[in-house]
């Protein structure tokens, strides 16, 4: 394990503006034995990232108010502290739009629970 991975906290940051979906994803992750923190737009996600250790994974919706997923991803990749955090885009957009730049994974909505948990398992350790 490299030093950057050791410093990464063991939680998933869920950035999703649909409250019901964010709650569902958080519960799915919790039941599987992982921790999560939810932010309902990119601005709130940046506040989480500024106040906590980096997450093991970010689940990122692309279309949100205030600061959308495209803007947040651009900011993450420009920030040395956040540039190496794995990002899994979750969106209802077409397959071409699902990989905007440097993302680790992309999942289409509606989210397949098994695929999502597989992504989480690859990047995080259970709490």
N, C-alpha and C. Protein backbone atom coordinates (compact mmCIF):
# COMPACT_ATOMS: atom_id res chain seq x y z
N UNK A 1 0.85 -1.18 0.00
CA UNK A 1 0.00 0.00 0.00
C UNK A 1 0.89 1.24 0.00
N UNK A 2 0.62 2.18 -0.91
CA UNK A 2 1.47 3.37 -0.96
C UNK A 2 1.04 4.38 0.11
N UNK A 3 1.91 5.35 0.44
CA UNK A 3 1.62 6.31 1.52
C UNK A 3 0.32 7.09 1.31
N UNK A 4 -0.03 7.43 0.08
CA UNK A 4 -1.27 8.17 -0.18
C UNK A 4 -2.48 7.34 0.23
N UNK A 5 -2.43 6.03 0.02
CA UNK A 5 -3.55 5.17 0.40
C UNK A 5 -3.67 5.05 1.91
N UNK A 6 -2.55 5.08 2.62
CA UNK A 6 -2.57 4.98 4.07
C UNK A 6 -3.26 6.21 4.66
N UNK A 7 -3.02 7.38 4.06
CA UNK A 7 -3.58 8.63 4.57
C UNK A 7 -5.06 8.78 4.22
N UNK A 8 -5.54 8.02 3.25
CA UNK A 8 -6.93 8.12 2.84
C UNK A 8 -7.84 7.52 3.90
N UNK A 9 -8.87 8.23 4.26
CA UNK A 9 -9.82 7.74 5.26
C UNK A 9 -10.65 6.62 4.68
N UNK A 10 -11.28 5.88 5.55
CA UNK A 10 -12.06 4.74 5.11
C UNK A 10 -13.55 5.08 5.06
N UNK A 11 -13.88 6.06 4.21
CA UNK A 11 -15.28 6.38 3.99
C UNK A 11 -15.48 6.72 2.52
N UNK A 12 -16.69 6.53 2.05
CA UNK A 12 -17.07 6.88 0.69
C UNK A 12 -17.79 8.22 0.75
N UNK A 13 -17.37 9.17 -0.09
CA UNK A 13 -18.08 10.44 -0.19
C UNK A 13 -19.08 10.32 -1.33
N UNK A 14 -20.36 10.41 -0.99
CA UNK A 14 -21.44 10.33 -1.97
C UNK A 14 -21.86 11.75 -2.30
N UNK A 15 -21.70 12.16 -3.55
CA UNK A 15 -22.07 13.50 -3.99
C UNK A 15 -23.25 13.33 -4.96
N UNK A 16 -24.44 13.52 -4.42
CA UNK A 16 -25.69 13.23 -5.15
C UNK A 16 -26.77 14.18 -4.65
N UNK A 17 -27.43 14.90 -5.58
CA UNK A 17 -28.44 15.87 -5.16
C UNK A 17 -29.82 15.26 -4.94
N UNK A 18 -30.08 14.07 -5.46
CA UNK A 18 -31.35 13.41 -5.21
C UNK A 18 -31.29 12.76 -3.83
N UNK A 19 -31.98 13.34 -2.86
CA UNK A 19 -31.89 12.91 -1.47
C UNK A 19 -32.23 11.43 -1.31
N UNK A 20 -33.28 10.97 -1.97
CA UNK A 20 -33.69 9.56 -1.83
C UNK A 20 -32.60 8.63 -2.34
N UNK A 21 -31.98 8.96 -3.47
CA UNK A 21 -30.92 8.11 -4.01
C UNK A 21 -29.68 8.17 -3.12
N UNK A 22 -29.33 9.35 -2.65
CA UNK A 22 -28.17 9.48 -1.76
C UNK A 22 -28.37 8.63 -0.50
N UNK A 23 -29.58 8.66 0.04
CA UNK A 23 -29.90 7.87 1.23
C UNK A 23 -29.82 6.38 0.92
N UNK A 24 -30.34 5.98 -0.22
CA UNK A 24 -30.30 4.57 -0.63
C UNK A 24 -28.85 4.10 -0.80
N UNK A 25 -28.03 4.90 -1.45
CA UNK A 25 -26.62 4.53 -1.65
C UNK A 25 -25.89 4.44 -0.31
N UNK A 26 -26.14 5.40 0.56
CA UNK A 26 -25.51 5.41 1.88
C UNK A 26 -25.89 4.16 2.67
N UNK A 27 -27.15 3.80 2.65
CA UNK A 27 -27.62 2.61 3.37
C UNK A 27 -27.01 1.34 2.79
N UNK A 28 -26.95 1.24 1.48
CA UNK A 28 -26.35 0.08 0.82
C UNK A 28 -24.89 -0.07 1.24
N UNK A 29 -24.18 1.03 1.25
CA UNK A 29 -22.77 1.02 1.63
C UNK A 29 -22.61 0.66 3.11
N UNK A 30 -23.48 1.20 3.97
CA UNK A 30 -23.41 0.90 5.41
C UNK A 30 -23.67 -0.58 5.69
N UNK A 31 -24.70 -1.12 5.06
CA UNK A 31 -25.05 -2.53 5.27
C UNK A 31 -23.91 -3.45 4.82
N UNK A 32 -23.16 -3.02 3.80
CA UNK A 32 -22.03 -3.81 3.31
C UNK A 32 -20.80 -3.67 4.21
N UNK A 33 -20.87 -2.82 5.23
CA UNK A 33 -19.78 -2.71 6.19
C UNK A 33 -18.85 -1.54 5.98
N UNK A 34 -19.27 -0.56 5.19
CA UNK A 34 -18.44 0.61 4.92
C UNK A 34 -19.12 1.86 5.48
N UNK A 35 -18.34 2.92 5.64
CA UNK A 35 -18.89 4.19 6.09
C UNK A 35 -19.05 5.12 4.90
N UNK A 36 -19.97 6.08 5.03
CA UNK A 36 -20.14 7.06 3.97
C UNK A 36 -20.51 8.42 4.56
N UNK A 37 -20.25 9.44 3.78
CA UNK A 37 -20.65 10.80 4.07
C UNK A 37 -21.33 11.30 2.81
N UNK A 38 -22.43 12.05 2.97
CA UNK A 38 -23.19 12.52 1.82
C UNK A 38 -23.11 14.03 1.70
N UNK A 39 -22.95 14.50 0.47
CA UNK A 39 -23.02 15.92 0.14
C UNK A 39 -23.98 16.05 -1.04
N UNK A 40 -24.90 17.02 -0.96
CA UNK A 40 -25.93 17.12 -1.99
C UNK A 40 -25.59 18.04 -3.15
N UNK A 41 -24.37 18.54 -3.20
CA UNK A 41 -23.87 19.25 -4.38
C UNK A 41 -22.35 19.37 -4.26
N UNK A 42 -21.73 19.86 -5.31
CA UNK A 42 -20.27 19.95 -5.32
C UNK A 42 -19.71 20.91 -4.30
N UNK A 43 -20.41 21.99 -4.03
CA UNK A 43 -19.93 22.95 -3.03
C UNK A 43 -19.85 22.29 -1.65
N UNK A 44 -20.91 21.55 -1.29
CA UNK A 44 -20.90 20.86 0.00
C UNK A 44 -19.84 19.76 0.03
N UNK A 45 -19.61 19.11 -1.09
CA UNK A 45 -18.56 18.09 -1.17
C UNK A 45 -17.20 18.71 -0.91
N UNK A 46 -16.95 19.89 -1.45
CA UNK A 46 -15.68 20.57 -1.21
C UNK A 46 -15.51 20.90 0.27
N UNK A 47 -16.61 21.28 0.93
CA UNK A 47 -16.54 21.55 2.37
C UNK A 47 -16.17 20.30 3.14
N UNK A 48 -16.74 19.16 2.75
CA UNK A 48 -16.39 17.88 3.40
C UNK A 48 -14.90 17.60 3.19
N UNK A 49 -14.43 17.76 1.96
CA UNK A 49 -13.04 17.46 1.64
C UNK A 49 -12.07 18.39 2.37
N UNK A 50 -12.49 19.62 2.64
CA UNK A 50 -11.63 20.56 3.35
C UNK A 50 -11.60 20.30 4.86
N UNK A 51 -12.61 19.59 5.38
CA UNK A 51 -12.71 19.40 6.83
C UNK A 51 -12.36 18.00 7.30
N UNK A 52 -12.14 17.08 6.38
CA UNK A 52 -11.85 15.70 6.76
C UNK A 52 -10.69 15.16 5.95
N UNK A 53 -10.20 14.00 6.37
CA UNK A 53 -9.19 13.30 5.57
C UNK A 53 -9.84 12.89 4.25
N UNK A 54 -9.05 12.75 3.19
CA UNK A 54 -9.63 12.35 1.91
C UNK A 54 -10.34 11.00 2.01
N UNK A 55 -11.45 10.84 1.29
CA UNK A 55 -12.17 9.56 1.30
C UNK A 55 -11.43 8.50 0.49
N UNK A 56 -11.83 7.27 0.68
CA UNK A 56 -11.25 6.18 -0.13
C UNK A 56 -11.83 6.19 -1.54
N UNK A 57 -13.02 6.81 -1.72
CA UNK A 57 -13.71 6.82 -3.01
C UNK A 57 -14.74 7.94 -3.00
N UNK A 58 -14.93 8.57 -4.15
CA UNK A 58 -16.01 9.53 -4.32
C UNK A 58 -16.98 8.97 -5.35
N UNK A 59 -18.26 8.88 -4.98
CA UNK A 59 -19.34 8.57 -5.92
C UNK A 59 -19.91 9.91 -6.35
N UNK A 60 -19.83 10.24 -7.62
CA UNK A 60 -20.11 11.60 -8.09
C UNK A 60 -21.18 11.64 -9.16
N UNK A 61 -22.30 12.27 -8.81
CA UNK A 61 -23.32 12.59 -9.81
C UNK A 61 -22.79 13.75 -10.64
N UNK A 62 -23.19 13.82 -11.90
CA UNK A 62 -22.69 14.89 -12.76
C UNK A 62 -23.60 16.11 -12.79
N UNK A 63 -24.91 15.89 -12.75
CA UNK A 63 -25.85 17.01 -12.89
C UNK A 63 -26.43 17.36 -11.53
N UNK A 64 -25.93 18.48 -10.96
CA UNK A 64 -26.35 18.95 -9.63
C UNK A 64 -26.36 20.46 -9.62
N UNK A 65 -27.09 21.05 -8.66
CA UNK A 65 -27.07 22.52 -8.53
C UNK A 65 -25.77 23.01 -7.88
N UNK A 66 -25.55 24.29 -7.95
CA UNK A 66 -24.45 25.03 -7.32
C UNK A 66 -23.10 24.72 -7.93
N UNK A 67 -22.56 23.55 -7.71
CA UNK A 67 -21.32 23.12 -8.36
C UNK A 67 -21.58 21.71 -8.84
N UNK A 68 -21.66 21.54 -10.17
CA UNK A 68 -22.00 20.22 -10.70
C UNK A 68 -20.80 19.28 -10.65
N UNK A 69 -21.03 18.03 -11.04
CA UNK A 69 -19.98 17.03 -10.99
C UNK A 69 -18.81 17.32 -11.91
N UNK A 70 -19.08 17.92 -13.07
CA UNK A 70 -18.00 18.28 -13.99
C UNK A 70 -17.07 19.30 -13.34
N UNK A 71 -17.66 20.32 -12.71
CA UNK A 71 -16.86 21.34 -12.04
C UNK A 71 -16.10 20.80 -10.84
N UNK A 72 -16.75 19.94 -10.08
CA UNK A 72 -16.08 19.35 -8.92
C UNK A 72 -14.93 18.46 -9.37
N UNK A 73 -15.14 17.67 -10.39
CA UNK A 73 -14.08 16.79 -10.89
C UNK A 73 -12.88 17.61 -11.37
N UNK A 74 -13.14 18.71 -12.06
CA UNK A 74 -12.05 19.58 -12.52
C UNK A 74 -11.28 20.13 -11.32
N UNK A 75 -12.00 20.57 -10.29
CA UNK A 75 -11.35 21.10 -9.09
C UNK A 75 -10.56 20.03 -8.36
N UNK A 76 -11.10 18.82 -8.29
CA UNK A 76 -10.39 17.72 -7.62
C UNK A 76 -9.08 17.42 -8.31
N UNK A 77 -9.10 17.34 -9.63
CA UNK A 77 -7.90 16.97 -10.37
C UNK A 77 -6.85 18.07 -10.37
N UNK A 78 -7.26 19.32 -10.09
CA UNK A 78 -6.31 20.43 -10.01
C UNK A 78 -5.72 20.58 -8.61
N UNK A 79 -6.27 19.89 -7.62
CA UNK A 79 -5.84 20.00 -6.23
C UNK A 79 -4.93 18.82 -5.88
N UNK A 80 -3.66 19.10 -5.55
CA UNK A 80 -2.72 18.00 -5.23
C UNK A 80 -3.20 17.10 -4.10
N UNK A 81 -3.95 17.65 -3.14
CA UNK A 81 -4.46 16.85 -2.02
C UNK A 81 -5.55 15.88 -2.46
N UNK A 82 -6.27 16.21 -3.51
CA UNK A 82 -7.44 15.42 -3.92
C UNK A 82 -7.27 14.73 -5.27
N UNK A 83 -6.22 15.02 -5.97
CA UNK A 83 -6.08 14.55 -7.35
C UNK A 83 -6.01 13.03 -7.49
N UNK A 84 -5.62 12.33 -6.45
CA UNK A 84 -5.48 10.87 -6.55
C UNK A 84 -6.65 10.10 -5.96
N UNK A 85 -7.68 10.80 -5.48
CA UNK A 85 -8.85 10.12 -4.93
C UNK A 85 -9.60 9.45 -6.08
N UNK A 86 -9.88 8.16 -5.97
CA UNK A 86 -10.66 7.50 -7.02
C UNK A 86 -12.07 8.09 -7.09
N UNK A 87 -12.53 8.33 -8.32
CA UNK A 87 -13.86 8.89 -8.54
C UNK A 87 -14.66 7.95 -9.43
N UNK A 88 -15.85 7.61 -8.95
CA UNK A 88 -16.79 6.81 -9.74
C UNK A 88 -17.97 7.71 -10.08
N UNK A 89 -18.13 8.02 -11.34
CA UNK A 89 -19.25 8.85 -11.79
C UNK A 89 -20.51 7.99 -11.79
N UNK A 90 -21.60 8.56 -11.26
CA UNK A 90 -22.91 7.91 -11.31
C UNK A 90 -23.86 8.89 -11.98
N UNK A 91 -24.42 8.48 -13.12
CA UNK A 91 -25.24 9.43 -13.87
C UNK A 91 -26.21 8.70 -14.80
N UNK A 92 -27.26 9.40 -15.16
CA UNK A 92 -28.21 8.90 -16.15
C UNK A 92 -27.83 9.36 -17.55
N UNK A 93 -26.75 10.11 -17.67
CA UNK A 93 -26.31 10.60 -18.98
C UNK A 93 -25.87 9.44 -19.87
N UNK A 94 -25.71 9.72 -21.14
CA UNK A 94 -25.29 8.69 -22.09
C UNK A 94 -23.90 8.18 -21.76
N UNK A 95 -23.56 7.05 -22.30
CA UNK A 95 -22.27 6.41 -22.03
C UNK A 95 -21.10 7.33 -22.39
N UNK A 96 -21.22 8.12 -23.45
CA UNK A 96 -20.13 9.02 -23.85
C UNK A 96 -19.86 10.09 -22.79
N UNK A 97 -20.89 10.53 -22.10
CA UNK A 97 -20.74 11.59 -21.09
C UNK A 97 -20.30 11.04 -19.75
N UNK A 98 -20.31 9.73 -19.58
CA UNK A 98 -20.01 9.14 -18.27
C UNK A 98 -18.54 9.14 -17.90
N UNK A 99 -17.66 9.42 -18.81
CA UNK A 99 -16.24 9.43 -18.49
C UNK A 99 -15.64 10.79 -18.80
N UNK A 100 -16.04 11.83 -18.05
CA UNK A 100 -15.54 13.18 -18.31
C UNK A 100 -14.14 13.38 -17.75
N UNK A 101 -13.14 12.97 -18.50
CA UNK A 101 -11.78 13.17 -18.02
C UNK A 101 -11.29 12.01 -17.18
N UNK A 102 -10.67 12.36 -16.10
CA UNK A 102 -9.94 11.39 -15.28
C UNK A 102 -10.83 10.78 -14.20
N UNK A 103 -11.64 9.80 -14.58
CA UNK A 103 -12.46 9.09 -13.60
C UNK A 103 -12.02 7.63 -13.55
N UNK A 104 -12.22 7.02 -12.40
CA UNK A 104 -11.82 5.64 -12.18
C UNK A 104 -12.84 4.68 -12.75
N UNK A 105 -14.11 4.99 -12.53
CA UNK A 105 -15.22 4.13 -12.95
C UNK A 105 -16.38 5.01 -13.35
N UNK A 106 -17.34 4.41 -14.04
CA UNK A 106 -18.59 5.11 -14.38
C UNK A 106 -19.73 4.10 -14.33
N UNK A 107 -20.79 4.48 -13.60
CA UNK A 107 -21.98 3.64 -13.49
C UNK A 107 -23.20 4.44 -13.93
N UNK A 108 -24.04 3.80 -14.73
CA UNK A 108 -25.27 4.46 -15.18
C UNK A 108 -26.37 4.25 -14.16
N UNK A 109 -27.20 5.29 -14.02
CA UNK A 109 -28.41 5.18 -13.21
C UNK A 109 -29.48 4.51 -14.06
N UNK A 110 -30.34 3.69 -13.51
CA UNK A 110 -30.35 3.25 -12.11
C UNK A 110 -29.13 2.39 -11.79
N UNK A 111 -28.63 2.55 -10.59
CA UNK A 111 -27.39 1.91 -10.16
C UNK A 111 -27.62 0.43 -9.87
N UNK A 112 -26.75 -0.41 -10.42
CA UNK A 112 -26.73 -1.83 -10.11
C UNK A 112 -25.98 -2.00 -8.79
N UNK A 113 -26.66 -2.46 -7.75
CA UNK A 113 -26.10 -2.57 -6.40
C UNK A 113 -24.83 -3.42 -6.37
N UNK A 114 -24.83 -4.55 -7.07
CA UNK A 114 -23.66 -5.41 -7.05
C UNK A 114 -22.44 -4.74 -7.69
N UNK A 115 -22.66 -4.04 -8.80
CA UNK A 115 -21.55 -3.33 -9.46
C UNK A 115 -21.03 -2.22 -8.56
N UNK A 116 -21.94 -1.50 -7.91
CA UNK A 116 -21.53 -0.42 -7.02
C UNK A 116 -20.69 -0.96 -5.86
N UNK A 117 -21.17 -2.01 -5.24
CA UNK A 117 -20.42 -2.58 -4.11
C UNK A 117 -19.07 -3.14 -4.55
N UNK A 118 -18.99 -3.63 -5.75
CA UNK A 118 -17.72 -4.10 -6.29
C UNK A 118 -16.72 -2.95 -6.40
N UNK A 119 -17.19 -1.80 -6.85
CA UNK A 119 -16.34 -0.61 -6.94
C UNK A 119 -15.89 -0.19 -5.54
N UNK A 120 -16.81 -0.12 -4.61
CA UNK A 120 -16.48 0.27 -3.24
C UNK A 120 -15.46 -0.70 -2.65
N UNK A 121 -15.68 -1.98 -2.83
CA UNK A 121 -14.78 -3.00 -2.29
C UNK A 121 -13.37 -2.87 -2.83
N UNK A 122 -13.23 -2.48 -4.10
CA UNK A 122 -11.89 -2.32 -4.70
C UNK A 122 -11.10 -1.16 -4.10
N UNK A 123 -11.80 -0.15 -3.60
CA UNK A 123 -11.12 1.07 -3.18
C UNK A 123 -11.13 1.34 -1.69
N UNK A 124 -11.97 0.64 -0.93
CA UNK A 124 -12.14 0.95 0.48
C UNK A 124 -11.97 -0.28 1.35
N UNK A 125 -11.70 -0.04 2.62
CA UNK A 125 -11.67 -1.13 3.57
C UNK A 125 -12.90 -0.99 4.49
N UNK A 126 -13.38 -2.12 4.96
CA UNK A 126 -14.56 -2.10 5.81
C UNK A 126 -14.24 -1.45 7.14
N UNK A 127 -15.27 -0.83 7.72
CA UNK A 127 -15.07 -0.18 9.02
C UNK A 127 -15.24 -1.16 10.15
